[in-house]
Amino acid sequence: MPEASVTIRGLDGLRRKLDPSQVDDALRPAFRAAAILVESDAKRGVHRVTGKLQGSLGHTIEGTGFDTRARVGPQPGLGQPRHYSRSQTGRWQKPRDGSNRGDPRTYGRYEELGTRYRPGHPFLVPALNRNTDRIRALIGEAIRRRFG
């Protein structure tokens, strides 16, 4: 999936003043709330054909302290294959045995960016862009609450 990020101004000054272990207590809940916000917005905006990509969207929180990251997108294990009858499978779904085996982590990229044959239906980047101000407010409030 494409990489998109939100930059917090003043983070470098904060990094010099605070202990990274203290920062983790403040940032982790804020990043989790921000990830849930973007995830729910992306689920509403995803191009829905089978619902498998929509069902596979989730978030993970990685890292500690100032290196904390929230990743939102198709997650392994979510959106497992759903079975269809033979009459419901189209010519584009191979094999035609009634199972849609496509991995949402693979075709999610094509939905977001498009291919040379069809335009993309972006859902992650617009979800992030629509919520940038709310994300900054969540993180700023978490830091203010923790460090005054």
N, C-alpha and C. Protein backbone atom coordinates (compact mmCIF):
# COMPACT_ATOMS: atom_id res chain seq x y z
N MET A 1 0.85 -1.17 0.00
CA MET A 1 0.00 0.00 0.00
C MET A 1 0.90 1.24 0.00
N PRO A 2 0.40 2.35 -0.49
CA PRO A 2 1.22 3.56 -0.48
C PRO A 2 1.46 4.04 0.94
N GLU A 3 2.61 4.62 1.14
CA GLU A 3 2.94 5.16 2.45
C GLU A 3 2.45 6.61 2.53
N ALA A 4 1.70 6.93 3.54
CA ALA A 4 1.26 8.29 3.80
C ALA A 4 1.44 8.53 5.28
N SER A 5 1.76 9.76 5.65
CA SER A 5 2.01 10.02 7.06
C SER A 5 1.55 11.41 7.44
N VAL A 6 1.43 11.61 8.73
CA VAL A 6 1.08 12.91 9.31
C VAL A 6 2.28 13.35 10.13
N THR A 7 2.74 14.57 9.93
CA THR A 7 3.89 15.09 10.67
C THR A 7 3.40 16.04 11.76
N ILE A 8 3.92 15.85 12.96
CA ILE A 8 3.55 16.70 14.09
C ILE A 8 4.66 17.74 14.27
N ARG A 9 4.31 19.03 14.16
CA ARG A 9 5.29 20.10 14.35
C ARG A 9 5.66 20.20 15.82
N GLY A 10 6.93 20.45 16.08
CA GLY A 10 7.40 20.59 17.44
C GLY A 10 7.83 19.29 18.08
N LEU A 11 7.77 18.21 17.34
CA LEU A 11 8.12 16.91 17.90
C LEU A 11 9.61 16.81 18.19
N ASP A 12 10.44 17.46 17.39
CA ASP A 12 11.88 17.40 17.63
C ASP A 12 12.25 18.06 18.96
N GLY A 13 11.63 19.20 19.27
CA GLY A 13 11.88 19.86 20.55
C GLY A 13 11.39 19.02 21.71
N LEU A 14 10.27 18.38 21.53
CA LEU A 14 9.73 17.50 22.56
C LEU A 14 10.63 16.29 22.76
N ARG A 15 11.18 15.78 21.69
CA ARG A 15 12.07 14.62 21.74
C ARG A 15 13.29 14.90 22.61
N ARG A 16 13.81 16.12 22.52
CA ARG A 16 15.01 16.47 23.32
C ARG A 16 14.70 16.62 24.80
N LYS A 17 13.47 17.00 25.14
CA LYS A 17 13.13 17.30 26.52
C LYS A 17 12.61 16.11 27.32
N LEU A 18 12.08 15.09 26.64
CA LEU A 18 11.39 14.03 27.36
C LEU A 18 12.08 12.69 27.24
N ASP A 19 11.83 11.86 28.23
CA ASP A 19 12.31 10.48 28.23
C ASP A 19 11.39 9.65 27.33
N PRO A 20 11.96 8.86 26.41
CA PRO A 20 11.12 8.08 25.49
C PRO A 20 10.14 7.13 26.18
N SER A 21 10.49 6.61 27.33
CA SER A 21 9.57 5.69 28.01
C SER A 21 8.32 6.43 28.50
N GLN A 22 8.45 7.69 28.86
CA GLN A 22 7.28 8.48 29.27
C GLN A 22 6.38 8.78 28.08
N VAL A 23 7.01 9.00 26.94
CA VAL A 23 6.27 9.37 25.75
C VAL A 23 5.38 8.22 25.27
N ASP A 24 5.86 6.99 25.44
CA ASP A 24 5.10 5.83 24.99
C ASP A 24 3.73 5.78 25.68
N ASP A 25 3.69 6.09 26.96
CA ASP A 25 2.42 6.08 27.70
C ASP A 25 1.43 7.09 27.15
N ALA A 26 1.93 8.20 26.61
CA ALA A 26 1.04 9.22 26.07
C ALA A 26 0.68 8.95 24.62
N LEU A 27 1.65 8.51 23.82
CA LEU A 27 1.42 8.39 22.39
C LEU A 27 0.63 7.14 22.00
N ARG A 28 0.87 6.02 22.65
CA ARG A 28 0.23 4.77 22.23
C ARG A 28 -1.31 4.88 22.21
N PRO A 29 -1.97 5.37 23.29
CA PRO A 29 -3.43 5.50 23.22
C PRO A 29 -3.89 6.50 22.16
N ALA A 30 -3.13 7.58 21.96
CA ALA A 30 -3.50 8.57 20.95
C ALA A 30 -3.37 7.98 19.54
N PHE A 31 -2.32 7.22 19.31
CA PHE A 31 -2.14 6.60 18.00
C PHE A 31 -3.21 5.55 17.75
N ARG A 32 -3.59 4.82 18.78
CA ARG A 32 -4.65 3.82 18.63
C ARG A 32 -5.97 4.51 18.25
N ALA A 33 -6.29 5.61 18.93
CA ALA A 33 -7.52 6.35 18.61
C ALA A 33 -7.46 6.92 17.19
N ALA A 34 -6.30 7.43 16.79
CA ALA A 34 -6.15 7.97 15.44
C ALA A 34 -6.28 6.87 14.39
N ALA A 35 -5.70 5.70 14.67
CA ALA A 35 -5.79 4.59 13.72
C ALA A 35 -7.24 4.11 13.57
N ILE A 36 -7.97 4.06 14.66
CA ILE A 36 -9.37 3.65 14.60
C ILE A 36 -10.18 4.66 13.79
N LEU A 37 -9.86 5.93 13.95
CA LEU A 37 -10.54 6.99 13.21
C LEU A 37 -10.33 6.82 11.70
N VAL A 38 -9.08 6.64 11.29
CA VAL A 38 -8.77 6.48 9.86
C VAL A 38 -9.33 5.17 9.33
N GLU A 39 -9.21 4.11 10.12
CA GLU A 39 -9.73 2.80 9.69
C GLU A 39 -11.23 2.85 9.43
N SER A 40 -11.99 3.46 10.33
CA SER A 40 -13.44 3.51 10.15
C SER A 40 -13.82 4.37 8.95
N ASP A 41 -13.09 5.45 8.73
CA ASP A 41 -13.35 6.29 7.56
C ASP A 41 -13.01 5.54 6.28
N ALA A 42 -11.90 4.79 6.27
CA ALA A 42 -11.50 4.01 5.09
C ALA A 42 -12.52 2.91 4.80
N LYS A 43 -13.06 2.29 5.84
CA LYS A 43 -14.07 1.24 5.63
C LYS A 43 -15.33 1.80 4.99
N ARG A 44 -15.67 3.03 5.32
CA ARG A 44 -16.84 3.65 4.70
C ARG A 44 -16.58 4.02 3.25
N GLY A 45 -15.32 4.33 2.91
CA GLY A 45 -15.01 4.83 1.57
C GLY A 45 -14.44 3.81 0.60
N VAL A 46 -14.22 2.57 1.04
CA VAL A 46 -13.60 1.58 0.16
C VAL A 46 -14.58 1.15 -0.93
N HIS A 47 -14.04 0.93 -2.13
CA HIS A 47 -14.84 0.44 -3.25
C HIS A 47 -15.24 -0.99 -2.93
N ARG A 48 -16.52 -1.23 -2.84
CA ARG A 48 -17.00 -2.52 -2.37
C ARG A 48 -17.53 -3.35 -3.53
N VAL A 49 -16.90 -4.50 -3.74
CA VAL A 49 -17.38 -5.46 -4.71
C VAL A 49 -17.83 -6.70 -3.96
N THR A 50 -16.92 -7.35 -3.26
CA THR A 50 -17.27 -8.55 -2.48
C THR A 50 -17.33 -8.28 -0.99
N GLY A 51 -16.75 -7.18 -0.54
CA GLY A 51 -16.72 -6.87 0.89
C GLY A 51 -15.49 -7.43 1.58
N LYS A 52 -14.68 -8.20 0.84
CA LYS A 52 -13.51 -8.81 1.47
C LYS A 52 -12.45 -7.77 1.80
N LEU A 53 -12.21 -6.80 0.92
CA LEU A 53 -11.23 -5.76 1.21
C LEU A 53 -11.70 -4.92 2.40
N GLN A 54 -12.97 -4.58 2.42
CA GLN A 54 -13.52 -3.81 3.53
C GLN A 54 -13.38 -4.57 4.84
N GLY A 55 -13.65 -5.87 4.82
CA GLY A 55 -13.53 -6.69 6.02
C GLY A 55 -12.10 -6.91 6.47
N SER A 56 -11.15 -6.74 5.56
CA SER A 56 -9.74 -6.98 5.92
C SER A 56 -9.07 -5.74 6.49
N LEU A 57 -9.71 -4.58 6.43
CA LEU A 57 -9.09 -3.37 6.94
C LEU A 57 -8.98 -3.42 8.46
N GLY A 58 -7.82 -3.08 8.94
CA GLY A 58 -7.56 -3.06 10.37
C GLY A 58 -6.38 -2.16 10.65
N HIS A 59 -5.90 -2.18 11.88
CA HIS A 59 -4.75 -1.34 12.23
C HIS A 59 -3.83 -2.10 13.17
N THR A 60 -2.57 -1.72 13.16
CA THR A 60 -1.58 -2.22 14.11
C THR A 60 -0.79 -1.03 14.63
N ILE A 61 -0.38 -1.13 15.87
CA ILE A 61 0.48 -0.12 16.48
C ILE A 61 1.85 -0.75 16.64
N GLU A 62 2.87 -0.11 16.09
CA GLU A 62 4.21 -0.65 16.11
C GLU A 62 5.15 0.34 16.78
N GLY A 63 6.25 -0.18 17.31
CA GLY A 63 7.28 0.68 17.89
C GLY A 63 6.94 1.14 19.28
N THR A 64 7.90 1.88 19.86
CA THR A 64 7.72 2.44 21.20
C THR A 64 8.25 3.87 21.23
N GLY A 65 7.81 4.62 22.20
CA GLY A 65 8.30 5.98 22.39
C GLY A 65 8.04 6.85 21.17
N PHE A 66 9.08 7.58 20.75
CA PHE A 66 8.95 8.47 19.61
C PHE A 66 8.89 7.72 18.28
N ASP A 67 9.18 6.46 18.28
CA ASP A 67 9.14 5.66 17.06
C ASP A 67 7.82 4.90 16.91
N THR A 68 6.79 5.29 17.65
CA THR A 68 5.49 4.64 17.56
C THR A 68 4.86 4.97 16.21
N ARG A 69 4.29 3.95 15.58
CA ARG A 69 3.61 4.11 14.30
C ARG A 69 2.29 3.37 14.33
N ALA A 70 1.34 3.93 13.65
CA ALA A 70 0.06 3.24 13.44
C ALA A 70 -0.04 2.92 11.95
N ARG A 71 -0.26 1.68 11.63
CA ARG A 71 -0.42 1.26 10.23
C ARG A 71 -1.87 0.83 10.03
N VAL A 72 -2.49 1.43 9.03
CA VAL A 72 -3.89 1.12 8.72
C VAL A 72 -3.92 0.57 7.30
N GLY A 73 -4.62 -0.53 7.12
CA GLY A 73 -4.74 -1.13 5.79
C GLY A 73 -5.18 -2.57 5.93
N PRO A 74 -5.15 -3.31 4.82
CA PRO A 74 -5.51 -4.73 4.88
C PRO A 74 -4.57 -5.48 5.81
N GLN A 75 -5.12 -6.27 6.69
CA GLN A 75 -4.34 -7.00 7.68
C GLN A 75 -4.38 -8.50 7.39
N PRO A 76 -3.30 -9.21 7.66
CA PRO A 76 -3.32 -10.66 7.45
C PRO A 76 -4.35 -11.32 8.35
N GLY A 77 -5.08 -12.26 7.79
CA GLY A 77 -6.06 -13.01 8.57
C GLY A 77 -7.44 -12.41 8.59
N LEU A 78 -7.57 -11.15 8.23
CA LEU A 78 -8.90 -10.53 8.17
C LEU A 78 -9.42 -10.65 6.74
N GLY A 79 -10.71 -10.68 6.57
CA GLY A 79 -11.29 -10.76 5.23
C GLY A 79 -11.01 -12.09 4.57
N GLN A 80 -11.15 -13.17 5.33
CA GLN A 80 -10.88 -14.51 4.79
C GLN A 80 -11.78 -14.82 3.61
N PRO A 81 -11.35 -15.74 2.76
CA PRO A 81 -12.13 -16.05 1.57
C PRO A 81 -13.59 -16.37 1.89
N ARG A 82 -14.46 -15.83 1.09
CA ARG A 82 -15.89 -16.05 1.22
C ARG A 82 -16.34 -16.90 0.05
N HIS A 83 -17.22 -17.83 0.27
CA HIS A 83 -17.64 -18.73 -0.79
C HIS A 83 -18.87 -18.20 -1.51
N TYR A 84 -18.88 -18.42 -2.79
CA TYR A 84 -19.97 -17.99 -3.65
C TYR A 84 -20.47 -19.20 -4.43
N SER A 85 -21.69 -19.13 -4.92
CA SER A 85 -22.18 -20.18 -5.81
C SER A 85 -21.56 -19.97 -7.18
N ARG A 86 -21.61 -20.99 -8.02
CA ARG A 86 -21.04 -20.87 -9.36
C ARG A 86 -21.71 -19.75 -10.16
N SER A 87 -22.99 -19.57 -9.95
CA SER A 87 -23.70 -18.54 -10.72
C SER A 87 -23.30 -17.13 -10.29
N GLN A 88 -22.76 -16.98 -9.07
CA GLN A 88 -22.37 -15.67 -8.58
C GLN A 88 -20.96 -15.28 -9.01
N THR A 89 -20.15 -16.23 -9.38
CA THR A 89 -18.78 -15.90 -9.76
C THR A 89 -18.75 -15.44 -11.19
N GLY A 90 -18.07 -14.35 -11.41
CA GLY A 90 -17.96 -13.80 -12.76
C GLY A 90 -16.75 -14.39 -13.47
N ARG A 91 -16.61 -14.01 -14.74
CA ARG A 91 -15.48 -14.51 -15.52
C ARG A 91 -14.15 -14.01 -14.96
N TRP A 92 -14.14 -12.88 -14.29
CA TRP A 92 -12.89 -12.29 -13.79
C TRP A 92 -12.40 -12.99 -12.53
N GLN A 93 -13.22 -13.81 -11.90
CA GLN A 93 -12.81 -14.49 -10.67
C GLN A 93 -12.35 -15.90 -11.01
N LYS A 94 -11.06 -16.12 -11.01
CA LYS A 94 -10.50 -17.43 -11.31
C LYS A 94 -9.91 -17.99 -10.03
N PRO A 95 -9.95 -19.25 -9.73
CA PRO A 95 -10.66 -20.29 -10.46
C PRO A 95 -12.16 -20.18 -10.21
N ARG A 96 -12.94 -20.73 -11.10
CA ARG A 96 -14.40 -20.61 -11.03
C ARG A 96 -15.01 -21.77 -10.27
N ASP A 97 -14.50 -22.05 -9.10
CA ASP A 97 -15.04 -23.15 -8.31
C ASP A 97 -15.94 -22.65 -7.18
N GLY A 98 -16.28 -21.38 -7.22
CA GLY A 98 -17.16 -20.84 -6.19
C GLY A 98 -16.42 -20.20 -5.04
N SER A 99 -15.09 -20.12 -5.12
CA SER A 99 -14.31 -19.48 -4.05
C SER A 99 -13.60 -18.26 -4.60
N ASN A 100 -13.64 -17.18 -3.84
CA ASN A 100 -12.87 -15.99 -4.19
C ASN A 100 -11.63 -16.00 -3.31
N ARG A 101 -10.49 -16.36 -3.88
CA ARG A 101 -9.28 -16.54 -3.09
C ARG A 101 -8.35 -15.33 -3.11
N GLY A 102 -8.73 -14.24 -3.74
CA GLY A 102 -7.86 -13.09 -3.84
C GLY A 102 -7.48 -12.55 -2.46
N ASP A 103 -6.24 -12.18 -2.30
CA ASP A 103 -5.74 -11.64 -1.04
C ASP A 103 -5.96 -10.13 -1.02
N PRO A 104 -6.72 -9.61 -0.05
CA PRO A 104 -6.98 -8.17 0.00
C PRO A 104 -5.70 -7.34 0.15
N ARG A 105 -4.64 -7.91 0.72
CA ARG A 105 -3.39 -7.17 0.85
C ARG A 105 -2.77 -6.95 -0.52
N THR A 106 -3.06 -7.82 -1.48
CA THR A 106 -2.52 -7.67 -2.82
C THR A 106 -3.40 -6.73 -3.65
N TYR A 107 -4.69 -7.03 -3.73
CA TYR A 107 -5.51 -6.21 -4.62
C TYR A 107 -5.93 -4.90 -3.98
N GLY A 108 -5.72 -4.70 -2.69
CA GLY A 108 -5.98 -3.41 -2.07
C GLY A 108 -5.13 -2.31 -2.68
N ARG A 109 -3.90 -2.66 -3.05
CA ARG A 109 -3.00 -1.70 -3.70
C ARG A 109 -3.58 -1.27 -5.05
N TYR A 110 -4.15 -2.23 -5.80
CA TYR A 110 -4.72 -1.89 -7.10
C TYR A 110 -5.99 -1.06 -6.95
N GLU A 111 -6.75 -1.31 -5.90
CA GLU A 111 -7.93 -0.49 -5.65
C GLU A 111 -7.53 0.94 -5.32
N GLU A 112 -6.48 1.09 -4.52
CA GLU A 112 -6.04 2.43 -4.11
C GLU A 112 -5.40 3.19 -5.27
N LEU A 113 -4.52 2.55 -6.00
CA LEU A 113 -3.73 3.24 -7.02
C LEU A 113 -4.24 3.07 -8.44
N GLY A 114 -4.99 2.00 -8.70
CA GLY A 114 -5.46 1.72 -10.04
C GLY A 114 -4.41 0.94 -10.82
N THR A 115 -4.75 0.61 -12.04
CA THR A 115 -3.83 -0.09 -12.94
C THR A 115 -3.85 0.65 -14.27
N ARG A 116 -3.15 0.13 -15.24
CA ARG A 116 -3.19 0.79 -16.55
C ARG A 116 -4.52 0.54 -17.25
N TYR A 117 -5.28 -0.43 -16.75
CA TYR A 117 -6.55 -0.77 -17.37
C TYR A 117 -7.76 -0.11 -16.71
N ARG A 118 -7.61 0.28 -15.47
CA ARG A 118 -8.75 0.89 -14.78
C ARG A 118 -8.25 1.90 -13.75
N PRO A 119 -9.03 2.94 -13.52
CA PRO A 119 -8.61 3.93 -12.54
C PRO A 119 -8.74 3.38 -11.11
N GLY A 120 -7.99 3.96 -10.21
CA GLY A 120 -8.05 3.55 -8.81
C GLY A 120 -9.28 4.10 -8.13
N HIS A 121 -9.59 3.50 -7.00
CA HIS A 121 -10.65 3.98 -6.12
C HIS A 121 -10.00 4.22 -4.76
N PRO A 122 -9.28 5.35 -4.61
CA PRO A 122 -8.54 5.59 -3.36
C PRO A 122 -9.47 5.61 -2.16
N PHE A 123 -9.02 4.99 -1.08
CA PHE A 123 -9.81 4.97 0.14
C PHE A 123 -8.95 5.23 1.37
N LEU A 124 -7.68 4.83 1.38
CA LEU A 124 -6.84 5.04 2.55
C LEU A 124 -6.29 6.46 2.63
N VAL A 125 -5.70 6.94 1.55
CA VAL A 125 -5.13 8.30 1.57
C VAL A 125 -6.21 9.36 1.79
N PRO A 126 -7.38 9.28 1.12
CA PRO A 126 -8.42 10.25 1.43
C PRO A 126 -8.90 10.17 2.88
N ALA A 127 -8.97 8.96 3.44
CA ALA A 127 -9.38 8.82 4.84
C ALA A 127 -8.37 9.52 5.76
N LEU A 128 -7.09 9.37 5.46
CA LEU A 128 -6.06 10.05 6.25
C LEU A 128 -6.16 11.56 6.08
N ASN A 129 -6.32 12.01 4.85
CA ASN A 129 -6.39 13.45 4.57
C ASN A 129 -7.59 14.10 5.25
N ARG A 130 -8.73 13.41 5.26
CA ARG A 130 -9.93 13.97 5.89
C ARG A 130 -9.78 14.09 7.40
N ASN A 131 -8.93 13.28 8.00
CA ASN A 131 -8.83 13.23 9.45
C ASN A 131 -7.52 13.78 10.01
N THR A 132 -6.71 14.43 9.18
CA THR A 132 -5.41 14.93 9.62
C THR A 132 -5.54 15.88 10.81
N ASP A 133 -6.47 16.82 10.74
CA ASP A 133 -6.62 17.78 11.85
C ASP A 133 -7.05 17.08 13.14
N ARG A 134 -7.94 16.11 13.03
CA ARG A 134 -8.38 15.38 14.22
C ARG A 134 -7.25 14.54 14.81
N ILE A 135 -6.40 13.97 13.96
CA ILE A 135 -5.26 13.19 14.43
C ILE A 135 -4.29 14.08 15.19
N ARG A 136 -3.98 15.23 14.61
CA ARG A 136 -3.08 16.17 15.30
C ARG A 136 -3.66 16.59 16.64
N ALA A 137 -4.96 16.83 16.68
CA ALA A 137 -5.60 17.23 17.94
C ALA A 137 -5.54 16.10 18.96
N LEU A 138 -5.78 14.87 18.54
CA LEU A 138 -5.70 13.72 19.47
C LEU A 138 -4.31 13.58 20.07
N ILE A 139 -3.29 13.67 19.22
CA ILE A 139 -1.92 13.49 19.71
C ILE A 139 -1.50 14.69 20.57
N GLY A 140 -1.87 15.88 20.14
CA GLY A 140 -1.54 17.07 20.94
C GLY A 140 -2.20 17.03 22.31
N GLU A 141 -3.47 16.63 22.35
CA GLU A 141 -4.19 16.54 23.62
C GLU A 141 -3.59 15.48 24.52
N ALA A 142 -3.18 14.35 23.96
CA ALA A 142 -2.56 13.29 24.77
C ALA A 142 -1.25 13.76 25.38
N ILE A 143 -0.47 14.52 24.64
CA ILE A 143 0.79 15.05 25.15
C ILE A 143 0.53 16.11 26.21
N ARG A 144 -0.44 16.97 25.98
CA ARG A 144 -0.77 18.00 26.98
C ARG A 144 -1.27 17.37 28.28
N ARG A 145 -2.12 16.35 28.15
CA ARG A 145 -2.64 15.68 29.35
C ARG A 145 -1.53 15.02 30.16
N ARG A 146 -0.60 14.40 29.45
CA ARG A 146 0.46 13.67 30.14
C ARG A 146 1.52 14.59 30.72
N PHE A 147 1.89 15.63 29.97
CA PHE A 147 3.03 16.46 30.38
C PHE A 147 2.68 17.88 30.73
N GLY A 148 1.40 18.23 30.63
CA GLY A 148 0.92 19.55 31.05
C GLY A 148 1.41 20.62 30.19
